Amino acid sequence: MPQIIYQESLTFSDVLIKPQYSTIKSRKDVDLSVSLSKGINIKTGIFPSNMKSIVNYKVAEEMYKVGGLCLLHRFMSFEEQINILDSLKLQFADFADYIGVSVGVQNEDYKNVNKFYDFGVRIFCVDIAHIDSVNGVEMVKFISETCPDAFLIAGNVATGGGAFRLWASGADAVKVGIGSGSICTTRITTGCGVGQLSALLDVYQVRLENPIFKDRFLISDGGCSKIGDIGKALAVADLVMLGNMFSGSSTIGCEIIQIDNKKYMSYVGSSTHRKEYIEGVEALVELKPSIPKILNTMHQGLASTCSYVGAHNLTELKQN
């Protein structure tokens, strides 16, 4: 009989960040920018999840304007992604430093990688529900070898071992989180997952113990339901990806549904194109302000988190 190992895992709601002496006089003194590798420098560590009910042309445009990262989702056709990229390219010469694409692991995805790269894309995300798998690793190796100057994100994982395999295969960043999203049903339908904070800590520890990965990155994907959770995520991760907290934004421009004088938008969670097997549900969320306004509120909260622990930037937030 194999040994069964029980291990407690934590979510963001299980913990608080302990305040300490701070020399910060104003939240305006806190730098929330992030420097990644391969020339990617962004003004915010917060960006929207690459989900079909979150990301579109307008969201990508607004994220570029605020100097943030945005990944087009893989549930639109290759042609749709190219059309959005083409429009962005006409407006912003350096679009490739902020906007990336998402691909799966099918034969068609291998062909599309080369087409995207030839178009000028330099940020790729291999985006499948469980990337710590032979298909996931093979795609990561393919992109890292075919497009060596591209910033490569691989997700999703929930263990340090999975992150190790992906980093070793050429990923620049791993997206951490399985079943932690508010409308993801992976944990219900499969019984699989790890508490989001524990998953991040496990991955962080692997990077700490392996100096060869010191220039690799962690992205927290899912599990944040309150603004304070963003600070908890970025106390471990380098970037945080949010779905529910951006859903319903007026920037998205989806159909508005009015119920009892309240306005709502549809928010859909999905890990596959196949309608007969979707690890996610559809929900209605109240209409929220524009992307810049949502980010501004988040930035205020995150800057306050940093001030409570005496951190002048996100690097010091992790150190402190």
C-alpha atoms as a PDB file:
ATOM      1  CA  MET A   1       0.000   0.000   0.000  1.00  0.00           C
ATOM      2  CA  PRO A   2       1.347   3.463  -0.864  1.00  0.00           C
ATOM      3  CA  GLN A   3       1.815   5.864   2.017  1.00  0.00           C
ATOM      4  CA  ILE A   4      -0.963   8.413   2.421  1.00  0.00           C
ATOM      5  CA  ILE A   5       0.266  11.858   3.409  1.00  0.00           C
ATOM      6  CA  TYR A   6      -2.093  14.365   5.001  1.00  0.00           C
ATOM      7  CA  GLN A   7      -1.107  17.977   4.726  1.00  0.00           C
ATOM      8  CA  GLU A   8      -3.004  21.035   5.895  1.00  0.00           C
ATOM      9  CA  SER A   9      -3.311  23.832   3.337  1.00  0.00           C
ATOM     10  CA  LEU A  10      -4.182  27.495   3.725  1.00  0.00           C
ATOM     11  CA  THR A  11      -6.179  30.022   1.739  1.00  0.00           C
ATOM     12  CA  PHE A  12      -5.865  33.803   1.934  1.00  0.00           C
ATOM     13  CA  SER A  13      -8.777  34.050   4.372  1.00  0.00           C
ATOM     14  CA  ASP A  14      -6.868  31.876   6.870  1.00  0.00           C
ATOM     15  CA  VAL A  15      -4.112  34.419   7.461  1.00  0.00           C
ATOM     16  CA  LEU A  16      -3.353  38.069   8.124  1.00  0.00           C
ATOM     17  CA  ILE A  17      -0.177  40.068   7.527  1.00  0.00           C
ATOM     18  CA  LYS A  18       1.360  41.217  10.792  1.00  0.00           C
ATOM     19  CA  PRO A  19       1.987  45.010  10.857  1.00  0.00           C
ATOM     20  CA  GLN A  20       5.403  46.329  11.818  1.00  0.00           C
ATOM     21  CA  TYR A  21       7.329  49.587  12.148  1.00  0.00           C
ATOM     22  CA  SER A  22       7.159  51.663   8.966  1.00  0.00           C
ATOM     23  CA  THR A  23       9.107  54.664   7.709  1.00  0.00           C
ATOM     24  CA  ILE A  24       6.645  55.268   4.876  1.00  0.00           C
ATOM     25  CA  LYS A  25       4.961  58.659   5.238  1.00  0.00           C
ATOM     26  CA  SER A  26       2.496  58.360   2.363  1.00  0.00           C
ATOM     27  CA  ARG A  27       1.024  55.607   0.190  1.00  0.00           C
ATOM     28  CA  LYS A  28       2.198  57.684  -2.772  1.00  0.00           C
ATOM     29  CA  ASP A  29       5.773  56.756  -1.827  1.00  0.00           C
ATOM     30  CA  VAL A  30       5.137  53.062  -2.562  1.00  0.00           C
ATOM     31  CA  ASP A  31       6.306  51.757  -5.955  1.00  0.00           C
ATOM     32  CA  LEU A  32       3.951  49.060  -7.299  1.00  0.00           C
ATOM     33  CA  SER A  33       5.846  48.369 -10.532  1.00  0.00           C
ATOM     34  CA  VAL A  34       7.344  44.987 -11.430  1.00  0.00           C
ATOM     35  CA  SER A  35      10.455  44.200 -13.484  1.00  0.00           C
ATOM     36  CA  LEU A  36      10.339  40.816 -15.158  1.00  0.00           C
ATOM     37  CA  SER A  37      12.931  39.270 -17.444  1.00  0.00           C
ATOM     38  CA  LYS A  38      13.386  39.663 -21.209  1.00  0.00           C
ATOM     39  CA  GLY A  39      12.699  43.392 -21.117  1.00  0.00           C
ATOM     40  CA  ILE A  40       9.208  43.197 -19.606  1.00  0.00           C
ATOM     41  CA  ASN A  41       8.684  46.089 -17.165  1.00  0.00           C
ATOM     42  CA  ILE A  42       5.162  46.847 -15.995  1.00  0.00           C
ATOM     43  CA  LYS A  43       3.702  49.508 -13.727  1.00  0.00           C
ATOM     44  CA  THR A  44       1.416  47.169 -11.801  1.00  0.00           C
ATOM     45  CA  GLY A  45       1.637  43.612 -10.525  1.00  0.00           C
ATOM     46  CA  ILE A  46      -2.133  43.185 -10.932  1.00  0.00           C
ATOM     47  CA  PHE A  47      -3.746  42.029 -14.173  1.00  0.00           C
ATOM     48  CA  PRO A  48      -7.018  40.408 -15.368  1.00  0.00           C
ATOM     49  CA  SER A  49      -7.425  36.664 -15.777  1.00  0.00           C
ATOM     50  CA  ASN A  50      -7.265  35.440 -19.356  1.00  0.00           C
ATOM     51  CA  MET A  51     -10.907  34.347 -19.314  1.00  0.00           C
ATOM     52  CA  LYS A  52     -13.463  34.697 -22.101  1.00  0.00           C
ATOM     53  CA  SER A  53     -15.851  36.838 -20.044  1.00  0.00           C
ATOM     54  CA  ILE A  54     -13.036  39.135 -18.846  1.00  0.00           C
ATOM     55  CA  VAL A  55     -10.518  39.891 -21.603  1.00  0.00           C
ATOM     56  CA  ASN A  56     -11.276  41.508 -24.942  1.00  0.00           C
ATOM     57  CA  TYR A  57      -9.863  44.280 -27.122  1.00  0.00           C
ATOM     58  CA  LYS A  58     -11.068  47.111 -24.888  1.00  0.00           C
ATOM     59  CA  VAL A  59      -9.676  45.518 -21.715  1.00  0.00           C
ATOM     60  CA  ALA A  60      -6.321  44.891 -23.411  1.00  0.00           C
ATOM     61  CA  GLU A  61      -6.255  48.510 -24.591  1.00  0.00           C
ATOM     62  CA  GLU A  62      -6.981  49.870 -21.100  1.00  0.00           C
ATOM     63  CA  MET A  63      -4.380  47.605 -19.495  1.00  0.00           C
ATOM     64  CA  TYR A  64      -1.784  48.872 -21.980  1.00  0.00           C
ATOM     65  CA  LYS A  65      -2.669  52.474 -21.135  1.00  0.00           C
ATOM     66  CA  VAL A  66      -2.067  51.876 -17.414  1.00  0.00           C
ATOM     67  CA  GLY A  67       1.188  50.058 -18.174  1.00  0.00           C
ATOM     68  CA  GLY A  68      -0.120  46.655 -17.126  1.00  0.00           C
ATOM     69  CA  LEU A  69       0.047  43.147 -18.509  1.00  0.00           C
ATOM     70  CA  CYS A  70      -2.825  41.508 -20.387  1.00  0.00           C
ATOM     71  CA  LEU A  71      -3.161  38.055 -21.926  1.00  0.00           C
ATOM     72  CA  LEU A  72      -5.745  37.346 -24.609  1.00  0.00           C
ATOM     73  CA  HIS A  73      -7.686  34.172 -23.771  1.00  0.00           C
ATOM     74  CA  ARG A  74      -7.511  30.958 -25.794  1.00  0.00           C
ATOM     75  CA  PHE A  75     -11.275  30.588 -26.186  1.00  0.00           C
ATOM     76  CA  MET A  76     -11.312  32.968 -29.136  1.00  0.00           C
ATOM     77  CA  SER A  77     -10.128  31.826 -32.544  1.00  0.00           C
ATOM     78  CA  PHE A  78      -6.630  32.491 -33.809  1.00  0.00           C
ATOM     79  CA  GLU A  79      -8.096  35.012 -36.259  1.00  0.00           C
ATOM     80  CA  GLU A  80      -9.884  36.886 -33.480  1.00  0.00           C
ATOM     81  CA  GLN A  81      -6.680  37.145 -31.464  1.00  0.00           C
ATOM     82  CA  ILE A  82      -4.749  38.362 -34.498  1.00  0.00           C
ATOM     83  CA  ASN A  83      -7.406  41.002 -35.240  1.00  0.00           C
ATOM     84  CA  ILE A  84      -7.128  42.354 -31.691  1.00  0.00           C
ATOM     85  CA  LEU A  85      -3.338  42.319 -31.846  1.00  0.00           C
ATOM     86  CA  ASP A  86      -3.397  44.048 -35.222  1.00  0.00           C
ATOM     87  CA  SER A  87      -5.581  46.858 -33.842  1.00  0.00           C
ATOM     88  CA  LEU A  88      -3.291  47.257 -30.838  1.00  0.00           C
ATOM     89  CA  LYS A  89      -0.218  47.215 -33.078  1.00  0.00           C
ATOM     90  CA  LEU A  90      -1.614  50.107 -35.094  1.00  0.00           C
ATOM     91  CA  GLN A  91      -2.019  52.169 -31.920  1.00  0.00           C
ATOM     92  CA  PHE A  92       0.962  51.112 -29.838  1.00  0.00           C
ATOM     93  CA  ALA A  93       4.335  50.279 -31.367  1.00  0.00           C
ATOM     94  CA  ASP A  94       5.479  48.497 -28.192  1.00  0.00           C
ATOM     95  CA  PHE A  95       2.284  46.442 -27.725  1.00  0.00           C
ATOM     96  CA  ALA A  96       4.355  43.240 -27.536  1.00  0.00           C
ATOM     97  CA  ASP A  97       5.879  44.388 -24.226  1.00  0.00           C
ATOM     98  CA  TYR A  98       2.464  44.327 -22.514  1.00  0.00           C
ATOM     99  CA  ILE A  99       0.000  42.141 -24.416  1.00  0.00           C
ATOM    100  CA  GLY A 100       0.380  38.429 -24.870  1.00  0.00           C
ATOM    101  CA  VAL A 101      -1.594  35.452 -26.164  1.00  0.00           C
ATOM    102  CA  SER A 102      -2.770  32.169 -24.690  1.00  0.00           C
ATOM    103  CA  VAL A 103      -2.405  28.771 -26.338  1.00  0.00           C
ATOM    104  CA  GLY A 104      -3.299  25.200 -25.509  1.00  0.00           C
ATOM    105  CA  VAL A 105      -1.474  21.978 -26.322  1.00  0.00           C
ATOM    106  CA  GLN A 106      -3.249  20.743 -29.464  1.00  0.00           C
ATOM    107  CA  ASN A 107      -1.581  20.310 -32.864  1.00  0.00           C
ATOM    108  CA  GLU A 108      -3.174  23.548 -34.063  1.00  0.00           C
ATOM    109  CA  ASP A 109      -1.655  25.416 -31.118  1.00  0.00           C
ATOM    110  CA  TYR A 110       1.856  24.437 -32.220  1.00  0.00           C
ATOM    111  CA  LYS A 111       1.181  25.974 -35.635  1.00  0.00           C
ATOM    112  CA  ASN A 112      -0.338  29.094 -34.078  1.00  0.00           C
ATOM    113  CA  VAL A 113       2.703  29.693 -31.869  1.00  0.00           C
ATOM    114  CA  ASN A 114       4.852  30.231 -34.948  1.00  0.00           C
ATOM    115  CA  LYS A 115       2.226  32.480 -36.540  1.00  0.00           C
ATOM    116  CA  PHE A 116       1.911  34.594 -33.390  1.00  0.00           C
ATOM    117  CA  TYR A 117       5.682  34.879 -33.097  1.00  0.00           C
ATOM    118  CA  ASP A 118       6.044  35.946 -36.740  1.00  0.00           C
ATOM    119  CA  PHE A 119       3.373  38.599 -36.100  1.00  0.00           C
ATOM    120  CA  GLY A 120       5.464  40.049 -33.294  1.00  0.00           C
ATOM    121  CA  VAL A 121       4.053  38.450 -30.132  1.00  0.00           C
ATOM    122  CA  ARG A 122       6.681  38.166 -27.400  1.00  0.00           C
ATOM    123  CA  ILE A 123       4.547  37.080 -24.425  1.00  0.00           C
ATOM    124  CA  PHE A 124       3.035  33.581 -24.482  1.00  0.00           C
ATOM    125  CA  CYS A 125       0.927  31.743 -21.938  1.00  0.00           C
ATOM    126  CA  VAL A 126       0.481  27.993 -22.197  1.00  0.00           C
ATOM    127  CA  ASP A 127      -2.881  27.871 -20.484  1.00  0.00           C
ATOM    128  CA  ILE A 128      -4.381  24.507 -19.513  1.00  0.00           C
ATOM    129  CA  ALA A 129      -6.083  23.374 -16.334  1.00  0.00           C
ATOM    130  CA  HIS A 130      -3.287  20.972 -15.299  1.00  0.00           C
ATOM    131  CA  ILE A 131      -0.054  21.895 -17.027  1.00  0.00           C
ATOM    132  CA  ASP A 132       2.100  19.606 -14.885  1.00  0.00           C
ATOM    133  CA  SER A 133       1.561  16.917 -17.512  1.00  0.00           C
ATOM    134  CA  VAL A 134       3.424  15.489 -20.476  1.00  0.00           C
ATOM    135  CA  ASN A 135       1.454  17.602 -22.979  1.00  0.00           C
ATOM    136  CA  GLY A 136       2.001  20.765 -20.966  1.00  0.00           C
ATOM    137  CA  VAL A 137       5.728  20.228 -20.504  1.00  0.00           C
ATOM    138  CA  GLU A 138       6.220  19.411 -24.197  1.00  0.00           C
ATOM    139  CA  MET A 139       4.499  22.634 -25.285  1.00  0.00           C
ATOM    140  CA  VAL A 140       6.570  24.693 -22.849  1.00  0.00           C
ATOM    141  CA  LYS A 141       9.760  23.131 -24.212  1.00  0.00           C
ATOM    142  CA  PHE A 142       8.626  23.807 -27.783  1.00  0.00           C
ATOM    143  CA  ILE A 143       7.943  27.505 -27.207  1.00  0.00           C
ATOM    144  CA  SER A 144      11.093  28.078 -25.150  1.00  0.00           C
ATOM    145  CA  GLU A 145      13.207  26.537 -27.924  1.00  0.00           C
ATOM    146  CA  THR A 146      11.307  28.064 -30.862  1.00  0.00           C
ATOM    147  CA  CYS A 147      10.849  31.539 -29.369  1.00  0.00           C
ATOM    148  CA  PRO A 148      13.778  31.945 -26.943  1.00  0.00           C
ATOM    149  CA  ASP A 149      13.379  35.710 -26.592  1.00  0.00           C
ATOM    150  CA  ALA A 150       9.683  35.489 -25.688  1.00  0.00           C
ATOM    151  CA  PHE A 151       8.493  35.729 -22.074  1.00  0.00           C
ATOM    152  CA  LEU A 152       6.834  32.380 -21.430  1.00  0.00           C
ATOM    153  CA  ILE A 153       4.131  31.816 -18.807  1.00  0.00           C
ATOM    154  CA  ALA A 154       2.948  28.293 -17.982  1.00  0.00           C
ATOM    155  CA  GLY A 155      -0.111  27.420 -15.954  1.00  0.00           C
ATOM    156  CA  ASN A 156      -1.693  26.164 -13.947  1.00  0.00           C
ATOM    157  CA  VAL A 157       0.140  24.318 -11.202  1.00  0.00           C
ATOM    158  CA  ALA A 158      -0.504  23.823  -7.495  1.00  0.00           C
ATOM    159  CA  THR A 159       2.785  22.287  -6.335  1.00  0.00           C
ATOM    160  CA  GLY A 160       6.450  23.158  -6.096  1.00  0.00           C
ATOM    161  CA  GLY A 161       7.297  20.000  -8.028  1.00  0.00           C
ATOM    162  CA  GLY A 162       5.130  21.123 -10.921  1.00  0.00           C
ATOM    163  CA  ALA A 163       6.750  24.556 -10.939  1.00  0.00           C
ATOM    164  CA  PHE A 164      10.203  22.935 -10.924  1.00  0.00           C
ATOM    165  CA  ARG A 165       9.390  20.866 -14.030  1.00  0.00           C
ATOM    166  CA  LEU A 166       8.020  23.861 -15.911  1.00  0.00           C
ATOM    167  CA  TRP A 167      10.848  26.208 -14.990  1.00  0.00           C
ATOM    168  CA  ALA A 168      13.335  23.491 -15.948  1.00  0.00           C
ATOM    169  CA  SER A 169      11.530  23.121 -19.285  1.00  0.00           C
ATOM    170  CA  GLY A 170      11.951  26.805 -20.095  1.00  0.00           C
ATOM    171  CA  ALA A 171       9.025  28.666 -18.523  1.00  0.00           C
ATOM    172  CA  ASP A 172       9.876  32.161 -17.277  1.00  0.00           C
ATOM    173  CA  ALA A 173       6.834  32.262 -14.991  1.00  0.00           C
ATOM    174  CA  VAL A 174       4.406  29.718 -13.586  1.00  0.00           C
ATOM    175  CA  LYS A 175       0.754  30.451 -12.956  1.00  0.00           C
ATOM    176  CA  VAL A 176      -0.201  28.987  -9.582  1.00  0.00           C
ATOM    177  CA  GLY A 177      -3.727  27.976  -8.646  1.00  0.00           C
ATOM    178  CA  ILE A 178      -5.964  24.959  -9.245  1.00  0.00           C
ATOM    179  CA  GLY A 179      -9.595  25.209  -8.262  1.00  0.00           C
ATOM    180  CA  SER A 180      -9.152  28.455  -6.342  1.00  0.00           C
ATOM    181  CA  GLY A 181     -11.260  30.680  -8.600  1.00  0.00           C
ATOM    182  CA  SER A 182     -14.665  31.800  -7.327  1.00  0.00           C
ATOM    183  CA  ILE A 183     -16.580  30.099 -10.154  1.00  0.00           C
ATOM    184  CA  CYS A 184     -14.158  27.237 -10.794  1.00  0.00           C
ATOM    185  CA  THR A 185     -15.655  23.837  -9.935  1.00  0.00           C
ATOM    186  CA  THR A 186     -12.490  21.752 -10.314  1.00  0.00           C
ATOM    187  CA  ARG A 187     -12.377  20.940  -6.596  1.00  0.00           C
ATOM    188  CA  ILE A 188     -16.047  19.960  -6.654  1.00  0.00           C
ATOM    189  CA  THR A 189     -15.965  17.841  -9.817  1.00  0.00           C
ATOM    190  CA  THR A 190     -12.516  16.278  -9.333  1.00  0.00           C
ATOM    191  CA  GLY A 191     -11.669  16.583  -5.640  1.00  0.00           C
ATOM    192  CA  CYS A 192      -8.272  17.987  -6.632  1.00  0.00           C
ATOM    193  CA  GLY A 193      -6.574  21.202  -5.565  1.00  0.00           C
ATOM    194  CA  VAL A 194      -4.436  22.919  -2.936  1.00  0.00           C
ATOM    195  CA  GLY A 195      -5.271  25.930  -0.769  1.00  0.00           C
ATOM    196  CA  GLN A 196      -4.049  28.929  -2.761  1.00  0.00           C
ATOM    197  CA  LEU A 197      -1.667  30.372  -0.180  1.00  0.00           C
ATOM    198  CA  SER A 198      -0.106  26.985   0.538  1.00  0.00           C
ATOM    199  CA  ALA A 199       0.345  26.353  -3.185  1.00  0.00           C
ATOM    200  CA  LEU A 200       2.140  29.691  -3.562  1.00  0.00           C
ATOM    201  CA  LEU A 201       4.371  29.006  -0.558  1.00  0.00           C
ATOM    202  CA  ASP A 202       5.280  25.571  -1.927  1.00  0.00           C
ATOM    203  CA  VAL A 203       6.304  27.056  -5.286  1.00  0.00           C
ATOM    204  CA  TYR A 204       8.126  29.948  -3.602  1.00  0.00           C
ATOM    205  CA  GLN A 205      10.127  27.496  -1.487  1.00  0.00           C
ATOM    206  CA  VAL A 206      11.247  25.585  -4.589  1.00  0.00           C
ATOM    207  CA  ARG A 207      12.555  28.792  -6.136  1.00  0.00           C
ATOM    208  CA  LEU A 208      14.299  29.686  -2.879  1.00  0.00           C
ATOM    209  CA  GLU A 209      16.019  26.300  -2.679  1.00  0.00           C
ATOM    210  CA  ASN A 210      17.138  26.279  -6.318  1.00  0.00           C
ATOM    211  CA  PRO A 211      19.327  29.282  -7.217  1.00  0.00           C
ATOM    212  CA  ILE A 212      19.121  28.387 -10.915  1.00  0.00           C
ATOM    213  CA  PHE A 213      15.511  29.588 -10.756  1.00  0.00           C
ATOM    214  CA  LYS A 214      16.219  32.901  -9.023  1.00  0.00           C
ATOM    215  CA  ASP A 215      15.197  34.805 -12.157  1.00  0.00           C
ATOM    216  CA  ARG A 216      11.925  32.897 -12.603  1.00  0.00           C
ATOM    217  CA  PHE A 217       8.544  34.207 -11.498  1.00  0.00           C
ATOM    218  CA  LEU A 218       5.324  33.246  -9.706  1.00  0.00           C
ATOM    219  CA  ILE A 219       1.851  34.378 -10.724  1.00  0.00           C
ATOM    220  CA  SER A 220      -0.992  33.877  -8.256  1.00  0.00           C
ATOM    221  CA  ASP A 221      -4.137  32.954 -10.195  1.00  0.00           C
ATOM    222  CA  GLY A 222      -7.393  32.821  -8.251  1.00  0.00           C
ATOM    223  CA  GLY A 223      -8.441  32.864  -4.624  1.00  0.00           C
ATOM    224  CA  CYS A 224      -8.601  36.637  -4.134  1.00  0.00           C
ATOM    225  CA  SER A 225     -12.051  37.822  -3.095  1.00  0.00           C
ATOM    226  CA  LYS A 226     -11.099  40.990  -1.210  1.00  0.00           C
ATOM    227  CA  ILE A 227      -8.618  43.770  -1.930  1.00  0.00           C
ATOM    228  CA  GLY A 228      -6.573  42.716   1.123  1.00  0.00           C
ATOM    229  CA  ASP A 229      -6.048  39.313  -0.490  1.00  0.00           C
ATOM    230  CA  ILE A 230      -4.025  40.990  -3.242  1.00  0.00           C
ATOM    231  CA  GLY A 231      -1.413  42.077  -0.706  1.00  0.00           C
ATOM    232  CA  LYS A 232      -1.341  38.578   0.787  1.00  0.00           C
ATOM    233  CA  ALA A 233      -0.800  37.095  -2.690  1.00  0.00           C
ATOM    234  CA  LEU A 234       1.961  39.551  -3.581  1.00  0.00           C
ATOM    235  CA  ALA A 235       3.721  38.900  -0.289  1.00  0.00           C
ATOM    236  CA  VAL A 236       4.683  35.619  -1.988  1.00  0.00           C
ATOM    237  CA  ALA A 237       3.995  35.938  -5.726  1.00  0.00           C
ATOM    238  CA  ASP A 238       5.448  38.429  -8.217  1.00  0.00           C
ATOM    239  CA  LEU A 239       2.162  39.044 -10.031  1.00  0.00           C
ATOM    240  CA  VAL A 240      -1.489  38.426  -9.227  1.00  0.00           C
ATOM    241  CA  MET A 241      -4.153  37.536 -11.774  1.00  0.00           C
ATOM    242  CA  LEU A 242      -7.779  38.358 -10.901  1.00  0.00           C
ATOM    243  CA  GLY A 243     -11.008  37.146 -12.452  1.00  0.00           C
ATOM    244  CA  ASN A 244     -13.987  37.838 -10.216  1.00  0.00           C
ATOM    245  CA  MET A 245     -12.626  41.182  -9.000  1.00  0.00           C
ATOM    246  CA  PHE A 246     -12.476  42.463 -12.609  1.00  0.00           C
ATOM    247  CA  SER A 247     -15.648  40.717 -13.776  1.00  0.00           C
ATOM    248  CA  GLY A 248     -18.569  42.994 -14.497  1.00  0.00           C
ATOM    249  CA  SER A 249     -16.363  45.979 -15.298  1.00  0.00           C
ATOM    250  CA  SER A 250     -18.004  48.524 -17.580  1.00  0.00           C
ATOM    251  CA  THR A 251     -14.841  48.351 -19.717  1.00  0.00           C
ATOM    252  CA  ILE A 252     -15.639  44.768 -20.719  1.00  0.00           C
ATOM    253  CA  GLY A 253     -18.786  45.972 -22.430  1.00  0.00           C
ATOM    254  CA  CYS A 254     -20.796  42.737 -22.209  1.00  0.00           C
ATOM    255  CA  GLU A 255     -24.591  42.651 -22.193  1.00  0.00           C
ATOM    256  CA  ILE A 256     -26.029  44.238 -19.056  1.00  0.00           C
ATOM    257  CA  ILE A 257     -28.865  42.433 -17.273  1.00  0.00           C
ATOM    258  CA  GLN A 258     -31.104  44.430 -14.932  1.00  0.00           C
ATOM    259  CA  ILE A 259     -32.777  42.697 -11.972  1.00  0.00           C
ATOM    260  CA  ASP A 260     -34.667  44.624  -9.268  1.00  0.00           C
ATOM    261  CA  ASN A 261     -33.052  47.908 -10.333  1.00  0.00           C
ATOM    262  CA  LYS A 262     -29.547  46.412 -10.087  1.00  0.00           C
ATOM    263  CA  LYS A 263     -27.295  45.915 -13.099  1.00  0.00           C
ATOM    264  CA  TYR A 264     -25.377  42.688 -13.708  1.00  0.00           C
ATOM    265  CA  MET A 265     -23.048  41.051 -16.227  1.00  0.00           C
ATOM    266  CA  SER A 266     -22.428  37.391 -16.938  1.00  0.00           C
ATOM    267  CA  TYR A 267     -19.181  35.840 -15.631  1.00  0.00           C
ATOM    268  CA  VAL A 268     -18.135  32.431 -16.962  1.00  0.00           C
ATOM    269  CA  GLY A 269     -15.466  30.068 -15.636  1.00  0.00           C
ATOM    270  CA  SER A 270     -14.097  27.408 -17.967  1.00  0.00           C
ATOM    271  CA  SER A 271     -10.977  25.319 -18.478  1.00  0.00           C
ATOM    272  CA  THR A 272     -11.919  23.796 -21.828  1.00  0.00           C
ATOM    273  CA  HIS A 273     -13.618  24.563 -25.141  1.00  0.00           C
ATOM    274  CA  ARG A 274     -15.874  21.532 -24.728  1.00  0.00           C
ATOM    275  CA  LYS A 275     -19.319  22.512 -23.480  1.00  0.00           C
ATOM    276  CA  GLU A 276     -20.037  18.984 -22.220  1.00  0.00           C
ATOM    277  CA  TYR A 277     -17.118  19.127 -19.765  1.00  0.00           C
ATOM    278  CA  ILE A 278     -16.459  22.479 -18.209  1.00  0.00           C
ATOM    279  CA  GLU A 279     -14.794  22.896 -14.829  1.00  0.00           C
ATOM    280  CA  GLY A 280     -16.605  26.124 -14.105  1.00  0.00           C
ATOM    281  CA  VAL A 281     -20.015  27.727 -13.869  1.00  0.00           C
ATOM    282  CA  GLU A 282     -21.755  30.839 -15.139  1.00  0.00           C
ATOM    283  CA  ALA A 283     -22.742  33.512 -12.649  1.00  0.00           C
ATOM    284  CA  LEU A 284     -24.088  37.039 -12.609  1.00  0.00           C
ATOM    285  CA  VAL A 285     -21.945  39.767 -11.045  1.00  0.00           C
ATOM    286  CA  GLU A 286     -22.932  43.340 -10.287  1.00  0.00           C
ATOM    287  CA  LEU A 287     -21.775  45.980 -12.729  1.00  0.00           C
ATOM    288  CA  LYS A 288     -18.443  47.471 -11.656  1.00  0.00           C
ATOM    289  CA  PRO A 289     -16.582  50.670 -12.688  1.00  0.00           C
ATOM    290  CA  SER A 290     -14.028  50.876 -15.494  1.00  0.00           C
ATOM    291  CA  ILE A 291     -10.775  48.894 -15.398  1.00  0.00           C
ATOM    292  CA  PRO A 292      -8.684  51.997 -14.497  1.00  0.00           C
ATOM    293  CA  LYS A 293     -11.008  52.820 -11.588  1.00  0.00           C
ATOM    294  CA  ILE A 294     -10.956  49.230 -10.307  1.00  0.00           C
ATOM    295  CA  LEU A 295      -7.164  49.193 -10.512  1.00  0.00           C
ATOM    296  CA  ASN A 296      -6.896  52.524  -8.729  1.00  0.00           C
ATOM    297  CA  THR A 297      -8.881  51.167  -5.769  1.00  0.00           C
ATOM    298  CA  MET A 298      -6.752  48.016  -5.724  1.00  0.00           C
ATOM    299  CA  HIS A 299      -3.548  50.050  -5.878  1.00  0.00           C
ATOM    300  CA  GLN A 300      -4.636  52.128  -2.906  1.00  0.00           C
ATOM    301  CA  GLY A 301      -5.266  49.000  -0.864  1.00  0.00           C
ATOM    302  CA  LEU A 302      -1.998  47.378  -1.946  1.00  0.00           C
ATOM    303  CA  ALA A 303      -0.002  50.528  -1.185  1.00  0.00           C
ATOM    304  CA  SER A 304      -1.567  50.520   2.280  1.00  0.00           C
ATOM    305  CA  THR A 305      -0.551  46.879   2.736  1.00  0.00           C
ATOM    306  CA  CYS A 306       3.028  47.872   1.923  1.00  0.00           C
ATOM    307  CA  SER A 307       2.904  50.819   4.324  1.00  0.00           C
ATOM    308  CA  TYR A 308       1.758  48.572   7.186  1.00  0.00           C
ATOM    309  CA  VAL A 309       4.914  46.456   6.858  1.00  0.00           C
ATOM    310  CA  GLY A 310       7.338  49.246   5.925  1.00  0.00           C
ATOM    311  CA  ALA A 311       7.709  48.123   2.300  1.00  0.00           C
ATOM    312  CA  HIS A 312       8.585  50.777  -0.290  1.00  0.00           C
ATOM    313  CA  ASN A 313       7.943  48.367  -3.154  1.00  0.00           C
ATOM    314  CA  LEU A 314       6.722  44.852  -3.897  1.00  0.00           C
ATOM    315  CA  THR A 315      10.175  43.346  -3.441  1.00  0.00           C
ATOM    316  CA  GLU A 316      10.342  44.709   0.082  1.00  0.00           C
ATOM    317  CA  LEU A 317       6.802  43.454   0.704  1.00  0.00           C
ATOM    318  CA  LYS A 318       8.110  39.901   0.223  1.00  0.00           C
ATOM    319  CA  GLN A 319      11.213  40.559   2.303  1.00  0.00           C
ATOM    320  CA  ASN A 320       9.266  42.110   5.167  1.00  0.00           C
END
